[in-house]
C-alpha atoms as a PDB file:
ATOM      1  CA  MET A   1     -17.084 138.322 205.396  1.00  0.00           C
ATOM      2  CA  ALA A   2     -18.399 138.746 208.963  1.00  0.00           C
ATOM      3  CA  LEU A   3     -17.810 136.236 211.769  1.00  0.00           C
ATOM      4  CA  TYR A   4     -20.403 133.507 211.381  1.00  0.00           C
ATOM      5  CA  THR A   5     -18.186 130.579 212.386  1.00  0.00           C
ATOM      6  CA  THR A   6     -15.982 130.742 215.473  1.00  0.00           C
ATOM      7  CA  LEU A   7     -12.573 129.146 214.984  1.00  0.00           C
ATOM      8  CA  ASP A   8     -10.545 128.596 218.164  1.00  0.00           C
ATOM      9  CA  ALA A   9      -6.843 128.080 218.819  1.00  0.00           C
ATOM     10  CA  ALA A  10      -7.096 124.322 218.354  1.00  0.00           C
ATOM     11  CA  ALA A  11      -8.779 124.786 214.981  1.00  0.00           C
ATOM     12  CA  PHE A  12      -6.048 127.134 213.785  1.00  0.00           C
ATOM     13  CA  THR A  13      -3.350 124.747 214.977  1.00  0.00           C
ATOM     14  CA  ARG A  14      -4.912 121.961 212.908  1.00  0.00           C
ATOM     15  CA  LEU A  15      -5.282 124.299 209.925  1.00  0.00           C
ATOM     16  CA  SER A  16      -1.662 125.387 210.154  1.00  0.00           C
ATOM     17  CA  GLU A  17      -0.583 121.757 210.213  1.00  0.00           C
ATOM     18  CA  SER A  18      -2.729 120.967 207.165  1.00  0.00           C
ATOM     19  CA  TYR A  19      -1.180 123.849 205.234  1.00  0.00           C
ATOM     20  CA  GLY A  20       2.352 123.547 206.602  1.00  0.00           C
ATOM     21  CA  LEU A  21       2.371 127.116 207.942  1.00  0.00           C
ATOM     22  CA  GLY A  22       4.288 126.522 211.173  1.00  0.00           C
ATOM     23  CA  THR A  23       3.480 127.435 214.770  1.00  0.00           C
ATOM     24  CA  VAL A  24       0.425 129.646 215.258  1.00  0.00           C
ATOM     25  CA  ARG A  25       1.299 132.925 216.939  1.00  0.00           C
ATOM     26  CA  GLU A  26      -1.983 134.855 216.790  1.00  0.00           C
ATOM     27  CA  PHE A  27      -5.337 135.054 215.006  1.00  0.00           C
ATOM     28  CA  THR A  28      -7.906 137.831 214.844  1.00  0.00           C
ATOM     29  CA  GLY A  29     -11.436 137.868 213.461  1.00  0.00           C
ATOM     30  CA  ILE A  30     -12.298 140.368 210.705  1.00  0.00           C
ATOM     31  CA  PRO A  31     -15.935 141.596 210.883  1.00  0.00           C
ATOM     32  CA  GLN A  32     -15.980 143.394 207.499  1.00  0.00           C
ATOM     33  CA  GLY A  33     -17.898 141.827 204.628  1.00  0.00           C
ATOM     34  CA  SER A  34     -21.184 139.963 204.452  1.00  0.00           C
ATOM     35  CA  ILE A  35     -21.308 136.202 203.873  1.00  0.00           C
ATOM     36  CA  ASN A  36     -18.036 134.552 204.981  1.00  0.00           C
ATOM     37  CA  THR A  37     -16.017 134.218 208.162  1.00  0.00           C
ATOM     38  CA  ASN A  38     -12.551 135.786 207.844  1.00  0.00           C
ATOM     39  CA  TYR A  39      -9.512 135.820 210.098  1.00  0.00           C
ATOM     40  CA  ARG A  40      -6.047 137.318 210.074  1.00  0.00           C
ATOM     41  CA  LEU A  41      -3.566 134.569 210.973  1.00  0.00           C
ATOM     42  CA  VAL A  42       0.085 134.952 211.989  1.00  0.00           C
ATOM     43  CA  THR A  43       2.319 131.883 212.111  1.00  0.00           C
ATOM     44  CA  ALA A  44       6.048 131.200 212.240  1.00  0.00           C
ATOM     45  CA  SER A  45       6.115 131.397 208.429  1.00  0.00           C
ATOM     46  CA  GLY A  46       4.270 134.686 207.977  1.00  0.00           C
ATOM     47  CA  ARG A  47       0.872 136.427 207.860  1.00  0.00           C
ATOM     48  CA  TYR A  48      -2.183 134.992 206.162  1.00  0.00           C
ATOM     49  CA  PHE A  49      -5.813 135.729 205.388  1.00  0.00           C
ATOM     50  CA  VAL A  50      -8.134 132.836 206.262  1.00  0.00           C
ATOM     51  CA  ARG A  51     -11.597 132.617 204.701  1.00  0.00           C
ATOM     52  CA  HIS A  52     -14.229 130.114 205.815  1.00  0.00           C
ATOM     53  CA  THR A  53     -17.316 129.855 203.614  1.00  0.00           C
ATOM     54  CA  THR A  54     -20.498 127.860 204.034  1.00  0.00           C
ATOM     55  CA  VAL A  55     -21.969 129.415 200.878  1.00  0.00           C
ATOM     56  CA  ARG A  56     -19.511 128.785 198.038  1.00  0.00           C
ATOM     57  CA  SER A  57     -19.383 125.390 196.349  1.00  0.00           C
ATOM     58  CA  ALA A  58     -16.261 123.384 195.562  1.00  0.00           C
ATOM     59  CA  GLU A  59     -16.757 124.316 191.887  1.00  0.00           C
ATOM     60  CA  ASP A  60     -16.851 128.023 192.805  1.00  0.00           C
ATOM     61  CA  LEU A  61     -13.600 127.744 194.728  1.00  0.00           C
ATOM     62  CA  ARG A  62     -11.874 125.795 191.970  1.00  0.00           C
ATOM     63  CA  PHE A  63     -12.863 128.495 189.468  1.00  0.00           C
ATOM     64  CA  GLU A  64     -11.365 131.129 191.773  1.00  0.00           C
ATOM     65  CA  ALA A  65      -8.179 129.109 192.319  1.00  0.00           C
ATOM     66  CA  GLU A  66      -7.608 128.542 188.595  1.00  0.00           C
ATOM     67  CA  LEU A  67      -8.257 132.216 187.848  1.00  0.00           C
ATOM     68  CA  LEU A  68      -5.789 133.364 190.512  1.00  0.00           C
ATOM     69  CA  ALA A  69      -3.181 130.952 189.177  1.00  0.00           C
ATOM     70  CA  LEU A  70      -3.451 132.579 185.732  1.00  0.00           C
ATOM     71  CA  LEU A  71      -3.301 136.089 187.212  1.00  0.00           C
ATOM     72  CA  ASN A  72      -0.246 135.210 189.308  1.00  0.00           C
ATOM     73  CA  GLU A  73       1.491 133.710 186.271  1.00  0.00           C
ATOM     74  CA  SER A  74       0.698 136.893 184.328  1.00  0.00           C
ATOM     75  CA  HIS A  75       2.204 139.063 187.093  1.00  0.00           C
ATOM     76  CA  PHE A  76      -1.147 140.738 187.654  1.00  0.00           C
ATOM     77  CA  PRO A  77      -1.418 142.335 191.145  1.00  0.00           C
ATOM     78  CA  SER A  78      -3.598 139.686 192.783  1.00  0.00           C
ATOM     79  CA  PRO A  79      -3.657 137.425 195.861  1.00  0.00           C
ATOM     80  CA  ARG A  80      -1.541 134.298 196.197  1.00  0.00           C
ATOM     81  CA  LEU A  81      -3.647 131.329 197.215  1.00  0.00           C
ATOM     82  CA  VAL A  82      -1.843 128.942 199.565  1.00  0.00           C
ATOM     83  CA  SER A  83      -2.260 125.217 198.851  1.00  0.00           C
ATOM     84  CA  THR A  84      -2.568 122.479 201.462  1.00  0.00           C
ATOM     85  CA  ARG A  85       0.289 120.027 202.013  1.00  0.00           C
ATOM     86  CA  GLU A  86      -1.474 117.770 199.519  1.00  0.00           C
ATOM     87  CA  GLY A  87      -1.661 120.559 196.936  1.00  0.00           C
ATOM     88  CA  ALA A  88      -5.408 121.259 197.259  1.00  0.00           C
ATOM     89  CA  PRO A  89      -6.622 124.870 196.778  1.00  0.00           C
ATOM     90  CA  PHE A  90      -9.042 124.640 199.735  1.00  0.00           C
ATOM     91  CA  LEU A  91      -9.938 122.396 202.660  1.00  0.00           C
ATOM     92  CA  GLU A  92     -13.275 120.967 203.753  1.00  0.00           C
ATOM     93  CA  TRP A  93     -13.503 122.302 207.302  1.00  0.00           C
ATOM     94  CA  GLU A  94     -15.957 122.931 210.162  1.00  0.00           C
ATOM     95  CA  GLY A  95     -19.088 122.558 208.051  1.00  0.00           C
ATOM     96  CA  GLY A  96     -17.703 124.634 205.181  1.00  0.00           C
ATOM     97  CA  ARG A  97     -14.577 125.226 203.108  1.00  0.00           C
ATOM     98  CA  VAL A  98     -11.408 127.076 204.071  1.00  0.00           C
ATOM     99  CA  SER A  99      -9.146 129.010 201.694  1.00  0.00           C
ATOM    100  CA  ILE A 100      -5.908 130.618 202.862  1.00  0.00           C
ATOM    101  CA  PHE A 101      -4.156 133.510 201.120  1.00  0.00           C
ATOM    102  CA  ALA A 102      -0.802 135.192 201.711  1.00  0.00           C
ATOM    103  CA  TRP A 103      -1.388 138.519 203.452  1.00  0.00           C
ATOM    104  CA  LEU A 104      -1.312 141.417 200.997  1.00  0.00           C
ATOM    105  CA  VAL A 105       0.929 144.445 201.393  1.00  0.00           C
ATOM    106  CA  GLY A 106      -0.416 147.962 200.975  1.00  0.00           C
ATOM    107  CA  GLU A 107      -3.259 149.993 202.360  1.00  0.00           C
ATOM    108  CA  GLU A 108      -6.904 150.572 201.485  1.00  0.00           C
ATOM    109  CA  LEU A 109      -7.870 154.125 200.588  1.00  0.00           C
ATOM    110  CA  SER A 110     -10.738 156.063 202.111  1.00  0.00           C
ATOM    111  CA  ARG A 111     -13.209 157.853 199.888  1.00  0.00           C
ATOM    112  CA  ALA A 112     -11.789 161.211 200.979  1.00  0.00           C
ATOM    113  CA  GLN A 113      -8.335 160.211 199.682  1.00  0.00           C
ATOM    114  CA  LEU A 114      -9.422 159.386 196.136  1.00  0.00           C
ATOM    115  CA  THR A 115      -8.029 161.420 193.244  1.00  0.00           C
ATOM    116  CA  PRO A 116      -8.462 161.128 189.463  1.00  0.00           C
ATOM    117  CA  GLU A 117      -4.962 159.632 189.368  1.00  0.00           C
ATOM    118  CA  HIS A 118      -6.117 156.795 191.647  1.00  0.00           C
ATOM    119  CA  LEU A 119      -9.137 156.113 189.457  1.00  0.00           C
ATOM    120  CA  GLU A 120      -7.083 156.139 186.272  1.00  0.00           C
ATOM    121  CA  ALA A 121      -4.677 153.612 187.786  1.00  0.00           C
ATOM    122  CA  LEU A 122      -7.584 151.465 188.950  1.00  0.00           C
ATOM    123  CA  GLY A 123      -9.253 151.576 185.529  1.00  0.00           C
ATOM    124  CA  LEU A 124      -5.975 150.521 183.920  1.00  0.00           C
ATOM    125  CA  GLU A 125      -5.791 147.423 186.133  1.00  0.00           C
ATOM    126  CA  LEU A 126      -9.435 146.533 185.523  1.00  0.00           C
ATOM    127  CA  GLY A 127      -8.897 146.742 181.772  1.00  0.00           C
ATOM    128  CA  LYS A 128      -5.760 144.638 182.135  1.00  0.00           C
ATOM    129  CA  LEU A 129      -7.733 142.030 184.096  1.00  0.00           C
ATOM    130  CA  HIS A 130     -10.285 141.766 181.279  1.00  0.00           C
ATOM    131  CA  ARG A 131      -7.543 141.475 178.673  1.00  0.00           C
ATOM    132  CA  ILE A 132      -5.393 138.910 180.513  1.00  0.00           C
ATOM    133  CA  THR A 133      -8.311 136.578 181.210  1.00  0.00           C
ATOM    134  CA  LEU A 134      -9.218 136.247 177.517  1.00  0.00           C
ATOM    135  CA  SER A 135      -7.151 133.037 177.610  1.00  0.00           C
ATOM    136  CA  PHE A 136      -8.959 131.677 180.687  1.00  0.00           C
ATOM    137  CA  SER A 137     -11.320 128.777 179.980  1.00  0.00           C
ATOM    138  CA  GLY A 138     -12.988 128.422 183.387  1.00  0.00           C
ATOM    139  CA  ALA A 139     -16.781 128.767 183.475  1.00  0.00           C
ATOM    140  CA  ARG A 140     -18.949 130.268 186.199  1.00  0.00           C
ATOM    141  CA  SER A 141     -22.213 132.151 185.739  1.00  0.00           C
ATOM    142  CA  ASN A 142     -22.937 135.263 187.765  1.00  0.00           C
ATOM    143  CA  PRO A 143     -24.622 133.993 190.961  1.00  0.00           C
ATOM    144  CA  TYR A 144     -26.361 137.346 191.428  1.00  0.00           C
ATOM    145  CA  GLY A 145     -27.979 137.993 188.078  1.00  0.00           C
ATOM    146  CA  PRO A 146     -31.274 139.776 187.420  1.00  0.00           C
ATOM    147  CA  GLU A 147     -33.511 136.796 188.232  1.00  0.00           C
ATOM    148  CA  VAL A 148     -31.899 136.353 191.642  1.00  0.00           C
ATOM    149  CA  VAL A 149     -32.201 140.064 192.415  1.00  0.00           C
ATOM    150  CA  ARG A 150     -35.833 140.027 191.252  1.00  0.00           C
ATOM    151  CA  GLY A 151     -36.492 137.193 193.715  1.00  0.00           C
ATOM    152  CA  TRP A 152     -34.935 139.205 196.537  1.00  0.00           C
ATOM    153  CA  LEU A 153     -37.188 142.155 195.761  1.00  0.00           C
ATOM    154  CA  GLU A 154     -40.291 139.989 195.687  1.00  0.00           C
ATOM    155  CA  GLU A 155     -39.423 138.711 199.167  1.00  0.00           C
ATOM    156  CA  LEU A 156     -38.690 142.211 200.456  1.00  0.00           C
ATOM    157  CA  LYS A 157     -42.038 143.510 199.215  1.00  0.00           C
ATOM    158  CA  LEU A 158     -43.645 141.132 201.722  1.00  0.00           C
ATOM    159  CA  ASN A 159     -41.575 142.477 204.618  1.00  0.00           C
ATOM    160  CA  PRO A 160     -43.774 143.875 207.445  1.00  0.00           C
ATOM    161  CA  ASP A 161     -41.581 146.998 207.533  1.00  0.00           C
ATOM    162  CA  ALA A 162     -43.556 149.423 205.360  1.00  0.00           C
ATOM    163  CA  GLU A 163     -40.427 151.387 204.382  1.00  0.00           C
ATOM    164  CA  LEU A 164     -38.591 148.274 203.164  1.00  0.00           C
ATOM    165  CA  SER A 165     -41.639 147.060 201.272  1.00  0.00           C
ATOM    166  CA  ALA A 166     -41.999 150.428 199.519  1.00  0.00           C
ATOM    167  CA  ILE A 167     -38.282 150.540 198.658  1.00  0.00           C
ATOM    168  CA  ALA A 168     -38.499 147.033 197.190  1.00  0.00           C
ATOM    169  CA  GLY A 169     -41.324 148.197 194.939  1.00  0.00           C
ATOM    170  CA  GLU A 170     -39.288 151.215 193.869  1.00  0.00           C
ATOM    171  CA  LEU A 171     -36.296 148.988 193.107  1.00  0.00           C
ATOM    172  CA  GLU A 172     -38.426 146.682 190.978  1.00  0.00           C
ATOM    173  CA  GLY A 173     -39.174 149.610 188.708  1.00  0.00           C
ATOM    174  CA  TYR A 174     -35.484 150.472 188.473  1.00  0.00           C
ATOM    175  CA  LEU A 175     -34.643 146.829 187.723  1.00  0.00           C
ATOM    176  CA  GLU A 176     -37.072 146.761 184.799  1.00  0.00           C
ATOM    177  CA  ARG A 177     -35.586 149.982 183.458  1.00  0.00           C
ATOM    178  CA  ALA A 178     -32.054 148.639 183.876  1.00  0.00           C
ATOM    179  CA  GLU A 179     -32.849 145.423 182.029  1.00  0.00           C
ATOM    180  CA  ALA A 180     -34.410 147.339 179.154  1.00  0.00           C
ATOM    181  CA  ALA A 181     -31.220 149.408 178.836  1.00  0.00           C
ATOM    182  CA  ARG A 182     -28.754 146.505 178.854  1.00  0.00           C
ATOM    183  CA  GLY A 183     -27.660 145.104 175.499  1.00  0.00           C
ATOM    184  CA  GLY A 184     -27.658 141.336 175.154  1.00  0.00           C
ATOM    185  CA  LEU A 185     -24.963 141.212 172.448  1.00  0.00           C
ATOM    186  CA  GLU A 186     -22.231 142.961 174.424  1.00  0.00           C
ATOM    187  CA  PRO A 187     -18.765 141.442 174.953  1.00  0.00           C
ATOM    188  CA  ARG A 188     -18.570 139.077 177.893  1.00  0.00           C
ATOM    189  CA  GLY A 189     -15.734 137.453 179.783  1.00  0.00           C
ATOM    190  CA  VAL A 190     -14.259 137.044 183.255  1.00  0.00           C
ATOM    191  CA  ILE A 191     -15.144 139.919 185.576  1.00  0.00           C
ATOM    192  CA  HIS A 192     -14.239 140.689 189.176  1.00  0.00           C
ATOM    193  CA  ALA A 193     -17.871 141.692 189.931  1.00  0.00           C
ATOM    194  CA  ASP A 194     -17.144 143.191 193.367  1.00  0.00           C
ATOM    195  CA  LEU A 195     -14.416 145.817 192.988  1.00  0.00           C
ATOM    196  CA  PHE A 196     -15.066 147.996 196.023  1.00  0.00           C
ATOM    197  CA  LEU A 197     -12.658 150.274 197.888  1.00  0.00           C
ATOM    198  CA  ASP A 198     -11.961 147.552 200.447  1.00  0.00           C
ATOM    199  CA  ASN A 199     -10.974 145.087 197.715  1.00  0.00           C
ATOM    200  CA  VAL A 200      -7.982 147.071 196.464  1.00  0.00           C
ATOM    201  CA  LYS A 201      -4.590 147.630 198.131  1.00  0.00           C
ATOM    202  CA  TRP A 202      -2.364 150.573 197.280  1.00  0.00           C
ATOM    203  CA  LEU A 203       1.303 151.444 197.652  1.00  0.00           C
ATOM    204  CA  GLY A 204       1.283 155.200 197.244  1.00  0.00           C
ATOM    205  CA  ASP A 205      -0.514 155.917 193.966  1.00  0.00           C
ATOM    206  CA  ARG A 206       0.132 152.416 192.640  1.00  0.00           C
ATOM    207  CA  VAL A 207      -2.306 149.513 192.838  1.00  0.00           C
ATOM    208  CA  SER A 208      -0.513 146.767 194.746  1.00  0.00           C
ATOM    209  CA  ALA A 209      -3.373 144.238 194.581  1.00  0.00           C
ATOM    210  CA  LEU A 210      -6.940 143.643 193.501  1.00  0.00           C
ATOM    211  CA  PHE A 211      -8.349 140.960 195.773  1.00  0.00           C
ATOM    212  CA  ASP A 212     -11.474 139.125 196.928  1.00  0.00           C
ATOM    213  CA  PHE A 213     -12.073 137.277 193.654  1.00  0.00           C
ATOM    214  CA  GLU A 214     -14.737 135.125 195.296  1.00  0.00           C
ATOM    215  CA  MET A 215     -17.437 136.855 193.216  1.00  0.00           C
ATOM    216  CA  ALA A 216     -15.531 136.523 189.935  1.00  0.00           C
ATOM    217  CA  CYS A 217     -17.610 135.025 187.138  1.00  0.00           C
ATOM    218  CA  ARG A 218     -18.415 135.380 183.446  1.00  0.00           C
ATOM    219  CA  ASP A 219     -20.663 138.295 182.569  1.00  0.00           C
ATOM    220  CA  PHE A 220     -20.668 141.587 180.670  1.00  0.00           C
ATOM    221  CA  TYR A 221     -17.384 143.504 180.853  1.00  0.00           C
ATOM    222  CA  ALA A 222     -19.395 146.733 181.025  1.00  0.00           C
ATOM    223  CA  LEU A 223     -21.127 145.444 184.169  1.00  0.00           C
ATOM    224  CA  ASP A 224     -17.722 145.224 185.872  1.00  0.00           C
ATOM    225  CA  VAL A 225     -16.932 148.781 184.788  1.00  0.00           C
ATOM    226  CA  ALA A 226     -20.315 150.002 186.037  1.00  0.00           C
ATOM    227  CA  ILE A 227     -20.013 148.237 189.416  1.00  0.00           C
ATOM    228  CA  THR A 228     -16.591 149.838 189.869  1.00  0.00           C
ATOM    229  CA  LEU A 229     -17.869 153.261 188.808  1.00  0.00           C
ATOM    230  CA  ASN A 230     -20.717 153.016 191.333  1.00  0.00           C
ATOM    231  CA  ALA A 231     -18.382 151.931 194.107  1.00  0.00           C
ATOM    232  CA  TRP A 232     -15.596 154.486 193.606  1.00  0.00           C
ATOM    233  CA  CYS A 233     -17.089 157.563 191.924  1.00  0.00           C
ATOM    234  CA  PHE A 234     -20.116 158.442 194.078  1.00  0.00           C
ATOM    235  CA  ASP A 235     -19.704 160.684 197.111  1.00  0.00           C
ATOM    236  CA  ALA A 236     -21.956 162.911 199.220  1.00  0.00           C
ATOM    237  CA  GLY A 237     -25.053 162.041 197.216  1.00  0.00           C
ATOM    238  CA  ALA A 238     -23.649 162.614 193.717  1.00  0.00           C
ATOM    239  CA  TYR A 239     -21.348 161.108 191.105  1.00  0.00           C
ATOM    240  CA  ARG A 240     -18.010 162.875 190.714  1.00  0.00           C
ATOM    241  CA  PRO A 241     -17.434 163.379 186.973  1.00  0.00           C
ATOM    242  CA  GLU A 242     -13.666 163.790 187.307  1.00  0.00           C
ATOM    243  CA  LEU A 243     -13.430 160.343 188.938  1.00  0.00           C
ATOM    244  CA  CYS A 244     -15.845 158.720 186.469  1.00  0.00           C
ATOM    245  CA  ARG A 245     -13.866 160.034 183.510  1.00  0.00           C
ATOM    246  CA  ALA A 246     -10.517 159.043 184.995  1.00  0.00           C
ATOM    247  CA  LEU A 247     -11.743 155.468 185.584  1.00  0.00           C
ATOM    248  CA  LEU A 248     -12.954 155.131 181.980  1.00  0.00           C
ATOM    249  CA  ARG A 249      -9.811 156.804 180.638  1.00  0.00           C
ATOM    250  CA  GLY A 250      -7.545 154.335 182.421  1.00  0.00           C
ATOM    251  CA  TYR A 251      -9.669 151.342 181.494  1.00  0.00           C
ATOM    252  CA  GLN A 252      -9.605 152.160 177.797  1.00  0.00           C
ATOM    253  CA  VAL A 253      -5.826 152.208 177.709  1.00  0.00           C
ATOM    254  CA  GLU A 254      -6.090 148.425 177.974  1.00  0.00           C
ATOM    255  CA  ARG A 255      -9.500 147.752 176.435  1.00  0.00           C
ATOM    256  CA  THR A 256     -11.680 150.134 174.429  1.00  0.00           C
ATOM    257  CA  LEU A 257     -15.402 150.069 175.131  1.00  0.00           C
ATOM    258  CA  VAL A 258     -17.324 149.234 171.969  1.00  0.00           C
ATOM    259  CA  PRO A 259     -20.351 151.391 171.051  1.00  0.00           C
ATOM    260  CA  VAL A 260     -22.940 148.966 172.445  1.00  0.00           C
ATOM    261  CA  GLU A 261     -21.127 148.985 175.812  1.00  0.00           C
ATOM    262  CA  ARG A 262     -21.167 152.765 175.945  1.00  0.00           C
ATOM    263  CA  GLU A 263     -24.899 152.691 175.230  1.00  0.00           C
ATOM    264  CA  SER A 264     -25.622 150.110 177.923  1.00  0.00           C
ATOM    265  CA  LEU A 265     -23.379 151.491 180.679  1.00  0.00           C
ATOM    266  CA  PHE A 266     -26.424 153.155 182.269  1.00  0.00           C
ATOM    267  CA  GLY A 267     -28.344 149.872 182.409  1.00  0.00           C
ATOM    268  CA  HIS A 268     -25.446 148.085 184.066  1.00  0.00           C
ATOM    269  CA  ALA A 269     -24.889 150.880 186.573  1.00  0.00           C
ATOM    270  CA  LEU A 270     -28.577 150.988 187.501  1.00  0.00           C
ATOM    271  CA  PHE A 271     -28.691 147.197 187.808  1.00  0.00           C
ATOM    272  CA  GLY A 272     -25.617 147.280 190.037  1.00  0.00           C
ATOM    273  CA  ALA A 273     -27.160 149.950 192.260  1.00  0.00           C
ATOM    274  CA  VAL A 274     -30.348 147.889 192.618  1.00  0.00           C
ATOM    275  CA  ARG A 275     -28.436 144.679 193.270  1.00  0.00           C
ATOM    276  CA  TYR A 276     -26.302 146.164 196.064  1.00  0.00           C
ATOM    277  CA  THR A 277     -29.207 148.032 197.663  1.00  0.00           C
ATOM    278  CA  ALA A 278     -31.127 144.765 197.885  1.00  0.00           C
ATOM    279  CA  SER A 279     -28.184 142.664 199.083  1.00  0.00           C
ATOM    280  CA  ARG A 280     -27.278 145.187 201.766  1.00  0.00           C
ATOM    281  CA  ILE A 281     -30.835 145.149 203.049  1.00  0.00           C
ATOM    282  CA  ARG A 282     -30.706 141.332 203.215  1.00  0.00           C
ATOM    283  CA  ASP A 283     -27.151 140.855 204.460  1.00  0.00           C
ATOM    284  CA  PHE A 284     -26.804 143.805 206.832  1.00  0.00           C
ATOM    285  CA  HIS A 285     -30.034 145.654 207.631  1.00  0.00           C
ATOM    286  CA  LEU A 286     -31.964 142.453 208.350  1.00  0.00           C
ATOM    287  CA  SER A 287     -29.049 140.595 209.947  1.00  0.00           C
ATOM    288  CA  GLY A 288     -29.242 139.838 213.636  1.00  0.00           C
ATOM    289  CA  LEU A 289     -25.462 139.887 214.118  1.00  0.00           C
ATOM    290  CA  PRO A 290     -23.987 142.611 216.383  1.00  0.00           C
ATOM    291  CA  PRO A 291     -21.467 145.148 214.965  1.00  0.00           C
ATOM    292  CA  ASP A 292     -18.478 143.251 216.401  1.00  0.00           C
ATOM    293  CA  LYS A 293     -19.500 140.251 214.307  1.00  0.00           C
ATOM    294  CA  LEU A 294     -20.664 142.083 211.171  1.00  0.00           C
ATOM    295  CA  ALA A 295     -19.464 145.589 210.292  1.00  0.00           C
ATOM    296  CA  PRO A 296     -22.624 147.423 209.141  1.00  0.00           C
ATOM    297  CA  LYS A 297     -23.135 148.819 205.625  1.00  0.00           C
ATOM    298  CA  ASP A 298     -26.016 151.210 204.967  1.00  0.00           C
ATOM    299  CA  PHE A 299     -28.208 150.157 202.039  1.00  0.00           C
ATOM    300  CA  ARG A 300     -29.333 153.768 201.632  1.00  0.00           C
ATOM    301  CA  THR A 301     -26.004 154.730 200.071  1.00  0.00           C
ATOM    302  CA  TYR A 302     -26.770 152.438 197.133  1.00  0.00           C
ATOM    303  CA  LEU A 303     -30.405 153.466 197.038  1.00  0.00           C
ATOM    304  CA  ALA A 304     -29.099 157.021 196.564  1.00  0.00           C
ATOM    305  CA  ARG A 305     -27.037 155.824 193.596  1.00  0.00           C
ATOM    306  CA  ALA A 306     -30.058 154.150 192.020  1.00  0.00           C
ATOM    307  CA  ARG A 307     -32.139 157.294 192.416  1.00  0.00           C
ATOM    308  CA  ALA A 308     -29.383 159.518 191.025  1.00  0.00           C
ATOM    309  CA  LEU A 309     -28.979 157.276 187.985  1.00  0.00           C
ATOM    310  CA  ALA A 310     -32.718 157.086 187.376  1.00  0.00           C
ATOM    311  CA  GLN A 311     -32.869 160.867 187.415  1.00  0.00           C
ATOM    312  CA  MET A 312     -29.944 161.464 185.043  1.00  0.00           C
ATOM    313  CA  GLY A 313     -30.813 158.692 182.546  1.00  0.00           C
ATOM    314  CA  PRO A 314     -28.522 157.108 179.923  1.00  0.00           C
ATOM    315  CA  GLU A 315     -27.509 160.352 178.241  1.00  0.00           C
ATOM    316  CA  GLY A 316     -26.709 161.967 181.558  1.00  0.00           C
ATOM    317  CA  LEU A 317     -24.436 159.123 182.632  1.00  0.00           C
ATOM    318  CA  ARG A 318     -22.611 159.027 179.300  1.00  0.00           C
ATOM    319  CA  ALA A 319     -22.004 162.781 179.527  1.00  0.00           C
ATOM    320  CA  LEU A 320     -20.846 162.427 183.135  1.00  0.00           C
ATOM    321  CA  ALA A 321     -18.420 159.615 182.316  1.00  0.00           C
ATOM    322  CA  GLY A 322     -17.233 161.137 179.037  1.00  0.00           C
ATOM    323  CA  VAL A 323     -18.255 158.176 176.871  1.00  0.00           C
END
């Protein structure tokens, strides 16, 4: 999300006119994230989240818009995408594409605040997401599948930094192990694919919104569960079993994991740990943007997850998560 493209007052005035949002009162850049430019916008009609992307295609954004429309109609806690005056879900703008969302109520939780009750509630919503979208016909492949990640690692092995090159080699071994442990006949459907702490809003102990569906695609449901488990249930160098079990308990209220998914959860978790270690090296560690333009994220936190998973193995993770 970062601040790659600078949008000035005149740009926001034109945007507000295109969307019918009223007089612009203030706008503030948001440095969190990795690949887009985001702003908080306040106009006479309310508060909005503005996303400018030079990476996502028109097809990607239409998939996201159609998915959010279904979720909104189903009363799922998700963002409301604002249409232009002409009814378009996004606008070609400043060398990229702009999407505008109504500002979400609620707060983001810190890792120190997390309880099993939070994870159970989160798992429930993730399972509900997978169930609701069974009727969704939109198609989008995962843009960050194994072949893409393998290409990243091959590039990183050539990096002149000896530490990064060695880590890339280590991650290649984990990727091979992860792929061997993933089952090809598992249930697939629409997944969020990026459910991190900063992509969920809370009102007390209740989930008020899952957001940032930009990464949503069709892939293994168990991959979505594993990405979420990695993001929420690892702290101080170790997985917290009470959080892992609460996440899976809540999820299975809405959708029961079939045996092959339980068997392959390790492979998905290890793949997710490799994928985010590599992307954080590329997007943050090797970025030349200063902290006020790109809030840093340490790739070593995901490298620690990959190493922990590799040490515990499939049986260890299943025991930890209670599946």
